[in-house]
Amino acid sequence: MIIYNTTFHIDTDILDDTLSYLAKNYIPEAIAGGLLHQPYVRRILQTNEDSGESYAVQFHVKNIDALNDWLEKEGRRLQQDLLDRFGNKLTGFTTLLEEIDWEKW
């Protein structure tokens, strides 16, 4: 299982609008095709930024091939929608995490 994590830094003046957009548009559209599952939004508590807040948006995906399929069909469009709507007041980076069964050790 892969966790597709995108960390966003959101300027304070667009924070409410951005979080609402993520909850009402971005996340529902991201999971609509069935390739991404179990969405989570988590606020990052420790940042060095003076203005704004950071949030991690995470989805579970079966494997890298499924993620690449989603990126081609939906992901790039959704990312562009975020850029078009919020411009440089929203920045982000993506991390891929592999879920490990820690109890087997």
PDB file of N, CA and C in Angstrom:
ATOM      1  N   MET A   1       0.839  -1.176   0.000  1.00  0.00           N
ATOM      2  CA  MET A   1       0.000   0.000   0.000  1.00  0.00           C
ATOM      3  C   MET A   1       0.888   1.244   0.000  1.00  0.00           C
ATOM      4  N   ILE A   2       0.535   2.209  -0.829  1.00  0.00           N
ATOM      5  CA  ILE A   2       1.270   3.463  -0.952  1.00  0.00           C
ATOM      6  C   ILE A   2       0.406   4.587  -0.379  1.00  0.00           C
ATOM      7  N   ILE A   3       1.045   5.511   0.308  1.00  0.00           N
ATOM      8  CA  ILE A   3       0.354   6.712   0.767  1.00  0.00           C
ATOM      9  C   ILE A   3       0.875   7.871  -0.068  1.00  0.00           C
ATOM     10  N   TYR A   4      -0.044   8.524  -0.751  1.00  0.00           N
ATOM     11  CA  TYR A   4       0.265   9.681  -1.580  1.00  0.00           C
ATOM     12  C   TYR A   4       0.004  10.915  -0.729  1.00  0.00           C
ATOM     13  N   ASN A   5       1.066  11.587  -0.318  1.00  0.00           N
ATOM     14  CA  ASN A   5       0.989  12.717   0.599  1.00  0.00           C
ATOM     15  C   ASN A   5       1.384  13.993  -0.133  1.00  0.00           C
ATOM     16  N   THR A   6       0.545  15.005  -0.042  1.00  0.00           N
ATOM     17  CA  THR A   6       0.908  16.322  -0.544  1.00  0.00           C
ATOM     18  C   THR A   6       0.834  17.298   0.622  1.00  0.00           C
ATOM     19  N   THR A   7       1.937  17.976   0.876  1.00  0.00           N
ATOM     20  CA  THR A   7       1.986  18.976   1.925  1.00  0.00           C
ATOM     21  C   THR A   7       1.810  20.342   1.274  1.00  0.00           C
ATOM     22  N   PHE A   8       0.815  21.068   1.752  1.00  0.00           N
ATOM     23  CA  PHE A   8       0.511  22.399   1.229  1.00  0.00           C
ATOM     24  C   PHE A   8       0.834  23.441   2.282  1.00  0.00           C
ATOM     25  N   HIS A   9       1.462  24.525   1.858  1.00  0.00           N
ATOM     26  CA  HIS A   9       1.579  25.701   2.717  1.00  0.00           C
ATOM     27  C   HIS A   9       0.606  26.731   2.155  1.00  0.00           C
ATOM     28  N   ILE A  10      -0.280  27.225   3.021  1.00  0.00           N
ATOM     29  CA  ILE A  10      -1.381  28.084   2.605  1.00  0.00           C
ATOM     30  C   ILE A  10      -1.242  29.433   3.302  1.00  0.00           C
ATOM     31  N   ASP A  11      -1.231  30.502   2.514  1.00  0.00           N
ATOM     32  CA  ASP A  11      -1.199  31.838   3.094  1.00  0.00           C
ATOM     33  C   ASP A  11      -2.430  32.069   3.964  1.00  0.00           C
ATOM     34  N   THR A  12      -2.261  32.814   5.028  1.00  0.00           N
ATOM     35  CA  THR A  12      -3.329  33.052   5.998  1.00  0.00           C
ATOM     36  C   THR A  12      -4.578  33.644   5.359  1.00  0.00           C
ATOM     37  N   ASP A  13      -4.409  34.570   4.406  1.00  0.00           N
ATOM     38  CA  ASP A  13      -5.574  35.254   3.841  1.00  0.00           C
ATOM     39  C   ASP A  13      -6.449  34.367   2.955  1.00  0.00           C
ATOM     40  N   ILE A  14      -5.974  33.200   2.567  1.00  0.00           N
ATOM     41  CA  ILE A  14      -6.805  32.291   1.763  1.00  0.00           C
ATOM     42  C   ILE A  14      -7.045  30.961   2.478  1.00  0.00           C
ATOM     43  N   LEU A  15      -6.689  30.885   3.748  1.00  0.00           N
ATOM     44  CA  LEU A  15      -6.736  29.621   4.479  1.00  0.00           C
ATOM     45  C   LEU A  15      -8.133  29.000   4.485  1.00  0.00           C
ATOM     46  N   ASP A  16      -9.141  29.739   4.909  1.00  0.00           N
ATOM     47  CA  ASP A  16     -10.499  29.184   4.985  1.00  0.00           C
ATOM     48  C   ASP A  16     -11.008  28.758   3.617  1.00  0.00           C
ATOM     49  N   ASP A  17     -10.782  29.595   2.601  1.00  0.00           N
ATOM     50  CA  ASP A  17     -11.238  29.275   1.252  1.00  0.00           C
ATOM     51  C   ASP A  17     -10.545  28.017   0.720  1.00  0.00           C
ATOM     52  N   THR A  18      -9.257  27.913   0.980  1.00  0.00           N
ATOM     53  CA  THR A  18      -8.497  26.755   0.503  1.00  0.00           C
ATOM     54  C   THR A  18      -8.944  25.463   1.182  1.00  0.00           C
ATOM     55  N   LEU A  19      -9.095  25.490   2.494  1.00  0.00           N
ATOM     56  CA  LEU A  19      -9.534  24.288   3.209  1.00  0.00           C
ATOM     57  C   LEU A  19     -10.931  23.871   2.773  1.00  0.00           C
ATOM     58  N   SER A  20     -11.800  24.839   2.548  1.00  0.00           N
ATOM     59  CA  SER A  20     -13.145  24.534   2.060  1.00  0.00           C
ATOM     60  C   SER A  20     -13.083  23.917   0.664  1.00  0.00           C
ATOM     61  N   TYR A  21     -12.251  24.472  -0.203  1.00  0.00           N
ATOM     62  CA  TYR A  21     -12.092  23.939  -1.556  1.00  0.00           C
ATOM     63  C   TYR A  21     -11.542  22.510  -1.536  1.00  0.00           C
ATOM     64  N   LEU A  22     -10.554  22.275  -0.685  1.00  0.00           N
ATOM     65  CA  LEU A  22     -10.000  20.923  -0.569  1.00  0.00           C
ATOM     66  C   LEU A  22     -11.078  19.931  -0.132  1.00  0.00           C
ATOM     67  N   ALA A  23     -11.888  20.327   0.850  1.00  0.00           N
ATOM     68  CA  ALA A  23     -12.906  19.427   1.402  1.00  0.00           C
ATOM     69  C   ALA A  23     -14.086  19.212   0.450  1.00  0.00           C
ATOM     70  N   LYS A  24     -14.492  20.245  -0.247  1.00  0.00           N
ATOM     71  CA  LYS A  24     -15.709  20.164  -1.065  1.00  0.00           C
ATOM     72  C   LYS A  24     -15.459  19.831  -2.522  1.00  0.00           C
ATOM     73  N   ASN A  25     -14.246  20.072  -3.005  1.00  0.00           N
ATOM     74  CA  ASN A  25     -13.955  19.855  -4.414  1.00  0.00           C
ATOM     75  C   ASN A  25     -12.807  18.887  -4.645  1.00  0.00           C
ATOM     76  N   TYR A  26     -11.626  19.272  -4.173  1.00  0.00           N
ATOM     77  CA  TYR A  26     -10.413  18.511  -4.483  1.00  0.00           C
ATOM     78  C   TYR A  26     -10.498  17.057  -4.013  1.00  0.00           C
ATOM     79  N   ILE A  27     -10.794  16.850  -2.752  1.00  0.00           N
ATOM     80  CA  ILE A  27     -10.806  15.485  -2.216  1.00  0.00           C
ATOM     81  C   ILE A  27     -11.918  14.642  -2.835  1.00  0.00           C
ATOM     82  N   PRO A  28     -13.160  15.131  -2.913  1.00  0.00           N
ATOM     83  CA  PRO A  28     -14.200  14.312  -3.566  1.00  0.00           C
ATOM     84  C   PRO A  28     -13.866  13.955  -5.017  1.00  0.00           C
ATOM     85  N   GLU A  29     -13.284  14.905  -5.757  1.00  0.00           N
ATOM     86  CA  GLU A  29     -12.908  14.607  -7.138  1.00  0.00           C
ATOM     87  C   GLU A  29     -11.745  13.617  -7.195  1.00  0.00           C
ATOM     88  N   ALA A  30     -10.820  13.717  -6.258  1.00  0.00           N
ATOM     89  CA  ALA A  30      -9.652  12.831  -6.254  1.00  0.00           C
ATOM     90  C   ALA A  30     -10.045  11.378  -6.006  1.00  0.00           C
ATOM     91  N   ILE A  31     -11.051  11.143  -5.173  1.00  0.00           N
ATOM     92  CA  ILE A  31     -11.444   9.765  -4.854  1.00  0.00           C
ATOM     93  C   ILE A  31     -12.564   9.240  -5.755  1.00  0.00           C
ATOM     94  N   ALA A  32     -13.151  10.104  -6.568  1.00  0.00           N
ATOM     95  CA  ALA A  32     -14.307   9.716  -7.393  1.00  0.00           C
ATOM     96  C   ALA A  32     -14.007   8.567  -8.342  1.00  0.00           C
ATOM     97  N   GLY A  33     -12.803   8.512  -8.886  1.00  0.00           N
ATOM     98  CA  GLY A  33     -12.449   7.465  -9.845  1.00  0.00           C
ATOM     99  C   GLY A  33     -12.147   6.119  -9.219  1.00  0.00           C
ATOM    100  N   GLY A  34     -12.032   6.062  -7.911  1.00  0.00           N
ATOM    101  CA  GLY A  34     -11.818   4.804  -7.222  1.00  0.00           C
ATOM    102  C   GLY A  34     -10.373   4.354  -7.084  1.00  0.00           C
ATOM    103  N   LEU A  35      -9.428   5.124  -7.590  1.00  0.00           N
ATOM    104  CA  LEU A  35      -8.020   4.724  -7.467  1.00  0.00           C
ATOM    105  C   LEU A  35      -7.404   5.189  -6.151  1.00  0.00           C
ATOM    106  N   LEU A  36      -7.841   6.316  -5.638  1.00  0.00           N
ATOM    107  CA  LEU A  36      -7.372   6.818  -4.353  1.00  0.00           C
ATOM    108  C   LEU A  36      -8.437   6.547  -3.299  1.00  0.00           C
ATOM    109  N   HIS A  37      -7.990   6.228  -2.081  1.00  0.00           N
ATOM    110  CA  HIS A  37      -8.903   5.854  -0.999  1.00  0.00           C
ATOM    111  C   HIS A  37      -8.460   6.523   0.303  1.00  0.00           C
ATOM    112  N   GLN A  38      -9.328   6.469   1.276  1.00  0.00           N
ATOM    113  CA  GLN A  38      -9.047   6.896   2.647  1.00  0.00           C
ATOM    114  C   GLN A  38      -8.368   8.261   2.728  1.00  0.00           C
ATOM    115  N   PRO A  39      -9.040   9.311   2.293  1.00  0.00           N
ATOM    116  CA  PRO A  39      -8.414  10.634   2.381  1.00  0.00           C
ATOM    117  C   PRO A  39      -8.296  11.108   3.821  1.00  0.00           C
ATOM    118  N   TYR A  40      -7.209  11.799   4.087  1.00  0.00           N
ATOM    119  CA  TYR A  40      -6.955  12.423   5.385  1.00  0.00           C
ATOM    120  C   TYR A  40      -6.433  13.828   5.141  1.00  0.00           C
ATOM    121  N   VAL A  41      -6.796  14.732   6.025  1.00  0.00           N
ATOM    122  CA  VAL A  41      -6.201  16.058   6.055  1.00  0.00           C
ATOM    123  C   VAL A  41      -5.648  16.242   7.460  1.00  0.00           C
ATOM    124  N   ARG A  42      -4.380  16.627   7.523  1.00  0.00           N
ATOM    125  CA  ARG A  42      -3.735  16.800   8.820  1.00  0.00           C
ATOM    126  C   ARG A  42      -3.002  18.140   8.837  1.00  0.00           C
ATOM    127  N   ARG A  43      -3.208  18.889   9.906  1.00  0.00           N
ATOM    128  CA  ARG A  43      -2.502  20.160  10.062  1.00  0.00           C
ATOM    129  C   ARG A  43      -1.107  19.881  10.607  1.00  0.00           C
ATOM    130  N   ILE A  44      -0.120  20.527  10.038  1.00  0.00           N
ATOM    131  CA  ILE A  44       1.257  20.377  10.487  1.00  0.00           C
ATOM    132  C   ILE A  44       1.484  21.394  11.601  1.00  0.00           C
ATOM    133  N   LEU A  45       1.860  20.898  12.758  1.00  0.00           N
ATOM    134  CA  LEU A  45       1.946  21.743  13.939  1.00  0.00           C
ATOM    135  C   LEU A  45       3.218  22.562  14.022  1.00  0.00           C
ATOM    136  N   GLN A  46       4.311  22.058  13.547  1.00  0.00           N
ATOM    137  CA  GLN A  46       5.580  22.759  13.679  1.00  0.00           C
ATOM    138  C   GLN A  46       6.059  23.218  12.318  1.00  0.00           C
ATOM    139  N   THR A  47       6.009  24.516  12.099  1.00  0.00           N
ATOM    140  CA  THR A  47       6.532  25.073  10.858  1.00  0.00           C
ATOM    141  C   THR A  47       7.401  26.269  11.187  1.00  0.00           C
ATOM    142  N   ASN A  48       8.246  26.627  10.265  1.00  0.00           N
ATOM    143  CA  ASN A  48       9.105  27.790  10.429  1.00  0.00           C
ATOM    144  C   ASN A  48       8.589  28.988   9.644  1.00  0.00           C
ATOM    145  N   GLU A  49       7.407  28.860   9.089  1.00  0.00           N
ATOM    146  CA  GLU A  49       6.839  29.921   8.272  1.00  0.00           C
ATOM    147  C   GLU A  49       6.219  30.995   9.153  1.00  0.00           C
ATOM    148  N   ASP A  50       6.367  32.250   8.749  1.00  0.00           N
ATOM    149  CA  ASP A  50       5.805  33.357   9.517  1.00  0.00           C
ATOM    150  C   ASP A  50       4.337  33.591   9.213  1.00  0.00           C
ATOM    151  N   SER A  51       3.933  33.406   7.968  1.00  0.00           N
ATOM    152  CA  SER A  51       2.535  33.630   7.621  1.00  0.00           C
ATOM    153  C   SER A  51       1.967  32.382   6.970  1.00  0.00           C
ATOM    154  N   GLY A  52       0.811  31.994   7.420  1.00  0.00           N
ATOM    155  CA  GLY A  52       0.159  30.838   6.839  1.00  0.00           C
ATOM    156  C   GLY A  52       0.313  29.601   7.691  1.00  0.00           C
ATOM    157  N   GLU A  53      -0.307  28.547   7.201  1.00  0.00           N
ATOM    158  CA  GLU A  53      -0.267  27.252   7.874  1.00  0.00           C
ATOM    159  C   GLU A  53      -0.006  26.172   6.846  1.00  0.00           C
ATOM    160  N   SER A  54       0.462  25.031   7.338  1.00  0.00           N
ATOM    161  CA  SER A  54       0.732  23.898   6.451  1.00  0.00           C
ATOM    162  C   SER A  54      -0.172  22.727   6.805  1.00  0.00           C
ATOM    163  N   TYR A  55      -0.616  22.027   5.758  1.00  0.00           N
ATOM    164  CA  TYR A  55      -1.500  20.876   5.898  1.00  0.00           C
ATOM    165  C   TYR A  55      -1.015  19.763   4.988  1.00  0.00           C
ATOM    166  N   ALA A  56      -1.179  18.532   5.446  1.00  0.00           N
ATOM    167  CA  ALA A  56      -0.875  17.361   4.636  1.00  0.00           C
ATOM    168  C   ALA A  56      -2.196  16.732   4.202  1.00  0.00           C
ATOM    169  N   VAL A  57      -2.314  16.492   2.908  1.00  0.00           N
ATOM    170  CA  VAL A  57      -3.476  15.792   2.352  1.00  0.00           C
ATOM    171  C   VAL A  57      -2.969  14.434   1.888  1.00  0.00           C
ATOM    172  N   GLN A  58      -3.566  13.370   2.433  1.00  0.00           N
ATOM    173  CA  GLN A  58      -3.064  12.022   2.165  1.00  0.00           C
ATOM    174  C   GLN A  58      -4.171  11.116   1.623  1.00  0.00           C
ATOM    175  N   PHE A  59      -3.752  10.234   0.723  1.00  0.00           N
ATOM    176  CA  PHE A  59      -4.636   9.212   0.173  1.00  0.00           C
ATOM    177  C   PHE A  59      -3.885   7.884   0.169  1.00  0.00           C
ATOM    178  N   HIS A  60      -4.609   6.800   0.331  1.00  0.00           N
ATOM    179  CA  HIS A  60      -4.051   5.472   0.123  1.00  0.00           C
ATOM    180  C   HIS A  60      -4.291   5.077  -1.328  1.00  0.00           C
ATOM    181  N   VAL A  61      -3.313   4.408  -1.907  1.00  0.00           N
ATOM    182  CA  VAL A  61      -3.424   3.915  -3.274  1.00  0.00           C
ATOM    183  C   VAL A  61      -2.761   2.539  -3.327  1.00  0.00           C
ATOM    184  N   LYS A  62      -3.311   1.664  -4.139  1.00  0.00           N
ATOM    185  CA  LYS A  62      -2.883   0.262  -4.188  1.00  0.00           C
ATOM    186  C   LYS A  62      -1.396   0.099  -4.500  1.00  0.00           C
ATOM    187  N   ASN A  63      -0.916   0.802  -5.518  1.00  0.00           N
ATOM    188  CA  ASN A  63       0.479   0.665  -5.930  1.00  0.00           C
ATOM    189  C   ASN A  63       0.880   1.852  -6.804  1.00  0.00           C
ATOM    190  N   ILE A  64       2.128   1.888  -7.207  1.00  0.00           N
ATOM    191  CA  ILE A  64       2.649   2.993  -8.011  1.00  0.00           C
ATOM    192  C   ILE A  64       1.949   3.070  -9.362  1.00  0.00           C
ATOM    193  N   ASP A  65       1.647   1.933  -9.969  1.00  0.00           N
ATOM    194  CA  ASP A  65       0.964   1.948 -11.264  1.00  0.00           C
ATOM    195  C   ASP A  65      -0.407   2.611 -11.157  1.00  0.00           C
ATOM    196  N   ALA A  66      -1.147   2.303 -10.099  1.00  0.00           N
ATOM    197  CA  ALA A  66      -2.458   2.920  -9.898  1.00  0.00           C
ATOM    198  C   ALA A  66      -2.305   4.423  -9.674  1.00  0.00           C
ATOM    199  N   LEU A  67      -1.284   4.829  -8.933  1.00  0.00           N
ATOM    200  CA  LEU A  67      -1.049   6.247  -8.703  1.00  0.00           C
ATOM    201  C   LEU A  67      -0.716   6.958 -10.014  1.00  0.00           C
ATOM    202  N   ASN A  68       0.159   6.374 -10.808  1.00  0.00           N
ATOM    203  CA  ASN A  68       0.505   6.979 -12.098  1.00  0.00           C
ATOM    204  C   ASN A  68      -0.713   7.096 -12.999  1.00  0.00           C
ATOM    205  N   ASP A  69      -1.578   6.092 -12.977  1.00  0.00           N
ATOM    206  CA  ASP A  69      -2.820   6.136 -13.739  1.00  0.00           C
ATOM    207  C   ASP A  69      -3.687   7.301 -13.271  1.00  0.00           C
ATOM    208  N   TRP A  70      -3.818   7.454 -11.959  1.00  0.00           N
ATOM    209  CA  TRP A  70      -4.612   8.550 -11.410  1.00  0.00           C
ATOM    210  C   TRP A  70      -4.014   9.904 -11.781  1.00  0.00           C
ATOM    211  N   LEU A  71      -2.682  10.011 -11.676  1.00  0.00           N
ATOM    212  CA  LEU A  71      -2.028  11.273 -12.017  1.00  0.00           C
ATOM    213  C   LEU A  71      -2.300  11.674 -13.462  1.00  0.00           C
ATOM    214  N   GLU A  72      -2.254  10.710 -14.371  1.00  0.00           N
ATOM    215  CA  GLU A  72      -2.517  10.995 -15.782  1.00  0.00           C
ATOM    216  C   GLU A  72      -3.967  11.370 -16.026  1.00  0.00           C
ATOM    217  N   LYS A  73      -4.892  10.661 -15.394  1.00  0.00           N
ATOM    218  CA  LYS A  73      -6.319  10.869 -15.658  1.00  0.00           C
ATOM    219  C   LYS A  73      -6.908  12.039 -14.885  1.00  0.00           C
ATOM    220  N   GLU A  74      -6.498  12.238 -13.647  1.00  0.00           N
ATOM    221  CA  GLU A  74      -7.128  13.233 -12.790  1.00  0.00           C
ATOM    222  C   GLU A  74      -6.150  14.166 -12.076  1.00  0.00           C
ATOM    223  N   GLY A  75      -5.064  13.622 -11.583  1.00  0.00           N
ATOM    224  CA  GLY A  75      -4.193  14.353 -10.677  1.00  0.00           C
ATOM    225  C   GLY A  75      -3.615  15.635 -11.231  1.00  0.00           C
ATOM    226  N   ARG A  76      -3.119  15.586 -12.421  1.00  0.00           N
ATOM    227  CA  ARG A  76      -2.510  16.788 -12.996  1.00  0.00           C
ATOM    228  C   ARG A  76      -3.549  17.889 -13.192  1.00  0.00           C
ATOM    229  N   ARG A  77      -4.747  17.525 -13.588  1.00  0.00           N
ATOM    230  CA  ARG A  77      -5.816  18.504 -13.755  1.00  0.00           C
ATOM    231  C   ARG A  77      -6.181  19.131 -12.410  1.00  0.00           C
ATOM    232  N   LEU A  78      -6.298  18.301 -11.361  1.00  0.00           N
ATOM    233  CA  LEU A  78      -6.641  18.825 -10.043  1.00  0.00           C
ATOM    234  C   LEU A  78      -5.546  19.750  -9.509  1.00  0.00           C
ATOM    235  N   GLN A  79      -4.300  19.394  -9.749  1.00  0.00           N
ATOM    236  CA  GLN A  79      -3.194  20.255  -9.324  1.00  0.00           C
ATOM    237  C   GLN A  79      -3.231  21.588 -10.061  1.00  0.00           C
ATOM    238  N   GLN A  80      -3.520  21.538 -11.350  1.00  0.00           N
ATOM    239  CA  GLN A  80      -3.610  22.773 -12.130  1.00  0.00           C
ATOM    240  C   GLN A  80      -4.776  23.629 -11.659  1.00  0.00           C
ATOM    241  N   ASP A  81      -5.889  23.002 -11.312  1.00  0.00           N
ATOM    242  CA  ASP A  81      -7.039  23.738 -10.770  1.00  0.00           C
ATOM    243  C   ASP A  81      -6.651  24.501  -9.499  1.00  0.00           C
ATOM    244  N   LEU A  82      -5.873  23.851  -8.618  1.00  0.00           N
ATOM    245  CA  LEU A  82      -5.410  24.524  -7.400  1.00  0.00           C
ATOM    246  C   LEU A  82      -4.533  25.729  -7.735  1.00  0.00           C
ATOM    247  N   LEU A  83      -3.617  25.551  -8.680  1.00  0.00           N
ATOM    248  CA  LEU A  83      -2.735  26.652  -9.078  1.00  0.00           C
ATOM    249  C   LEU A  83      -3.528  27.799  -9.698  1.00  0.00           C
ATOM    250  N   ASP A  84      -4.478  27.465 -10.558  1.00  0.00           N
ATOM    251  CA  ASP A  84      -5.287  28.494 -11.204  1.00  0.00           C
ATOM    252  C   ASP A  84      -6.109  29.270 -10.182  1.00  0.00           C
ATOM    253  N   ARG A  85      -6.624  28.577  -9.201  1.00  0.00           N
ATOM    254  CA  ARG A  85      -7.501  29.211  -8.209  1.00  0.00           C
ATOM    255  C   ARG A  85      -6.727  30.029  -7.169  1.00  0.00           C
ATOM    256  N   PHE A  86      -5.594  29.494  -6.681  1.00  0.00           N
ATOM    257  CA  PHE A  86      -4.912  30.124  -5.551  1.00  0.00           C
ATOM    258  C   PHE A  86      -3.545  30.724  -5.884  1.00  0.00           C
ATOM    259  N   GLY A  87      -3.023  30.433  -7.044  1.00  0.00           N
ATOM    260  CA  GLY A  87      -1.760  31.017  -7.470  1.00  0.00           C
ATOM    261  C   GLY A  87      -0.619  30.754  -6.512  1.00  0.00           C
ATOM    262  N   ASN A  88       0.209  31.781  -6.294  1.00  0.00           N
ATOM    263  CA  ASN A  88       1.399  31.603  -5.462  1.00  0.00           C
ATOM    264  C   ASN A  88       1.111  31.728  -3.963  1.00  0.00           C
ATOM    265  N   LYS A  89      -0.151  31.825  -3.579  1.00  0.00           N
ATOM    266  CA  LYS A  89      -0.510  31.852  -2.157  1.00  0.00           C
ATOM    267  C   LYS A  89      -0.629  30.431  -1.599  1.00  0.00           C
ATOM    268  N   LEU A  90      -0.489  29.456  -2.484  1.00  0.00           N
ATOM    269  CA  LEU A  90      -0.541  28.044  -2.113  1.00  0.00           C
ATOM    270  C   LEU A  90       0.654  27.348  -2.758  1.00  0.00           C
ATOM    271  N   THR A  91       1.493  26.736  -1.932  1.00  0.00           N
ATOM    272  CA  THR A  91       2.620  25.973  -2.457  1.00  0.00           C
ATOM    273  C   THR A  91       2.545  24.563  -1.894  1.00  0.00           C
ATOM    274  N   GLY A  92       3.148  23.625  -2.591  1.00  0.00           N
ATOM    275  CA  GLY A  92       3.089  22.265  -2.096  1.00  0.00           C
ATOM    276  C   GLY A  92       4.188  21.385  -2.659  1.00  0.00           C
ATOM    277  N   PHE A  93       4.341  20.250  -2.007  1.00  0.00           N
ATOM    278  CA  PHE A  93       5.250  19.222  -2.507  1.00  0.00           C
ATOM    279  C   PHE A  93       4.660  17.863  -2.151  1.00  0.00           C
ATOM    280  N   THR A  94       5.020  16.871  -2.936  1.00  0.00           N
ATOM    281  CA  THR A  94       4.458  15.536  -2.790  1.00  0.00           C
ATOM    282  C   THR A  94       5.512  14.560  -2.287  1.00  0.00           C
ATOM    283  N   THR A  95       5.064  13.651  -1.433  1.00  0.00           N
ATOM    284  CA  THR A  95       5.904  12.586  -0.910  1.00  0.00           C
ATOM    285  C   THR A  95       5.147  11.272  -1.051  1.00  0.00           C
ATOM    286  N   LEU A  96       5.839  10.227  -1.473  1.00  0.00           N
ATOM    287  CA  LEU A  96       5.248   8.893  -1.507  1.00  0.00           C
ATOM    288  C   LEU A  96       5.763   8.104  -0.320  1.00  0.00           C
ATOM    289  N   LEU A  97       4.850   7.488   0.407  1.00  0.00           N
ATOM    290  CA  LEU A  97       5.194   6.700   1.578  1.00  0.00           C
ATOM    291  C   LEU A  97       4.729   5.272   1.359  1.00  0.00           C
ATOM    292  N   GLU A  98       5.513   4.329   1.811  1.00  0.00           N
ATOM    293  CA  GLU A  98       5.113   2.928   1.752  1.00  0.00           C
ATOM    294  C   GLU A  98       4.677   2.499   3.139  1.00  0.00           C
ATOM    295  N   GLU A  99       3.494   1.948   3.202  1.00  0.00           N
ATOM    296  CA  GLU A  99       2.980   1.473   4.487  1.00  0.00           C
ATOM    297  C   GLU A  99       3.693   0.179   4.861  1.00  0.00           C
ATOM    298  N   ILE A 100       4.239   0.133   6.064  1.00  0.00           N
ATOM    299  CA  ILE A 100       5.007  -1.018   6.556  1.00  0.00           C
ATOM    300  C   ILE A 100       4.282  -1.628   7.754  1.00  0.00           C
ATOM    301  N   ASP A 101       4.195  -2.928   7.765  1.00  0.00           N
ATOM    302  CA  ASP A 101       3.611  -3.624   8.908  1.00  0.00           C
ATOM    303  C   ASP A 101       4.687  -3.752  10.002  1.00  0.00           C
ATOM    304  N   TRP A 102       4.705  -2.808  10.904  1.00  0.00           N
ATOM    305  CA  TRP A 102       5.747  -2.742  11.919  1.00  0.00           C
ATOM    306  C   TRP A 102       5.638  -3.890  12.912  1.00  0.00           C
ATOM    307  N   GLU A 103       4.486  -4.524  13.037  1.00  0.00           N
ATOM    308  CA  GLU A 103       4.304  -5.602  14.004  1.00  0.00           C
ATOM    309  C   GLU A 103       4.988  -6.905  13.573  1.00  0.00           C
ATOM    310  N   LYS A 104       5.384  -7.003  12.331  1.00  0.00           N
ATOM    311  CA  LYS A 104       6.023  -8.250  11.888  1.00  0.00           C
ATOM    312  C   LYS A 104       7.482  -8.349  12.330  1.00  0.00           C
ATOM    313  N   TRP A 105       8.063  -7.269  12.846  1.00  0.00           N
ATOM    314  CA  TRP A 105       9.454  -7.321  13.297  1.00  0.00           C
ATOM    315  C   TRP A 105       9.474  -7.677  14.724  1.00  0.00           C
TER     316      TRP A 105
END
